[in-house]
Amino acid sequence: MLYQFKCKNHGEFEVRQSILAEHKANCSKCGKEAQRVYSPVKHFWKGNAFRSDGSLREDKDYAPVMK
């Protein structure tokens, strides 16, 4: 996975790490520990469990054969 970090002196950079990693990184320019950057989720999944407006479907929304 690709994670974003921010160095106080050199700004943001990305690091590829395992999803099981501790998610720590040092700046490649100065070597100091960088802070991980958390950002909001960019994508919203609209699978069959959701209506077109993004709200969750209820049991009554499904055809009787699907209950």
Protein backbone atom coordinates (compact mmCIF):
# COMPACT_ATOMS: atom_id res chain seq x y z
CA MET A 1 0.00 0.00 0.00
CA LEU A 2 1.07 3.58 -0.57
CA TYR A 3 1.06 5.86 2.49
CA GLN A 4 1.64 9.60 2.78
CA PHE A 5 3.96 11.17 5.33
CA LYS A 6 4.93 14.76 6.06
CA CYS A 7 8.32 16.06 7.11
CA LYS A 8 8.31 19.38 9.01
CA ASN A 9 11.20 20.63 6.87
CA HIS A 10 10.62 19.06 3.45
CA GLY A 11 6.86 18.55 3.07
CA GLU A 12 4.89 15.50 1.99
CA PHE A 13 6.20 12.29 0.43
CA GLU A 14 4.87 8.79 -0.19
CA VAL A 15 6.20 5.46 1.05
CA ARG A 16 5.13 1.98 -0.09
CA GLN A 17 4.67 -0.26 2.96
CA SER A 18 2.95 -3.48 3.89
CA ILE A 19 -0.53 -3.08 5.32
CA LEU A 20 0.82 -4.83 8.44
CA ALA A 21 3.70 -2.35 8.90
CA GLU A 22 3.87 0.11 11.81
CA HIS A 23 3.51 2.95 9.26
CA LYS A 24 6.54 4.91 10.37
CA ALA A 25 8.95 6.62 7.98
CA ASN A 26 11.95 8.92 7.99
CA CYS A 27 12.40 11.76 5.53
CA SER A 28 14.77 10.75 2.73
CA LYS A 29 16.32 14.26 2.70
CA CYS A 30 17.02 14.94 6.39
CA GLY A 31 16.46 11.54 8.02
CA LYS A 32 14.08 12.87 10.69
CA GLU A 33 10.94 10.96 11.63
CA ALA A 34 7.95 12.06 9.58
CA GLN A 35 4.29 12.27 10.62
CA ARG A 36 1.80 10.05 8.79
CA VAL A 37 -0.87 12.00 6.88
CA TYR A 38 -4.44 10.77 7.19
CA SER A 39 -6.92 11.86 4.56
CA PRO A 40 -10.66 11.32 4.11
CA VAL A 41 -11.91 8.41 2.03
CA LYS A 42 -12.15 9.51 -1.59
CA HIS A 43 -14.45 6.80 -2.90
CA PHE A 44 -17.90 5.78 -1.79
CA TRP A 45 -18.98 2.23 -2.59
CA LYS A 46 -22.50 1.99 -4.00
CA GLY A 47 -22.97 -1.76 -4.24
CA ASN A 48 -26.31 -3.55 -4.26
CA ALA A 49 -26.75 -2.90 -0.54
CA PHE A 50 -27.12 0.86 -1.20
CA ARG A 51 -29.70 3.01 -2.97
CA SER A 52 -28.62 5.46 -5.68
CA ASP A 53 -28.63 8.30 -3.10
CA GLY A 54 -26.09 6.36 -0.97
CA SER A 55 -28.50 5.33 1.79
CA LEU A 56 -28.63 1.71 2.94
CA ARG A 57 -31.38 -0.44 1.41
CA GLU A 58 -33.89 -2.06 3.73
CA ASP A 59 -35.31 -5.58 3.47
CA LYS A 60 -38.54 -4.23 1.94
CA ASP A 61 -36.52 -2.84 -1.02
CA TYR A 62 -35.61 -6.31 -2.26
CA ALA A 63 -37.77 -8.61 -4.35
CA PRO A 64 -39.41 -11.44 -2.32
CA VAL A 65 -37.11 -14.05 -3.92
CA MET A 66 -34.06 -12.31 -2.51
CA LYS A 67 -35.18 -12.36 1.14
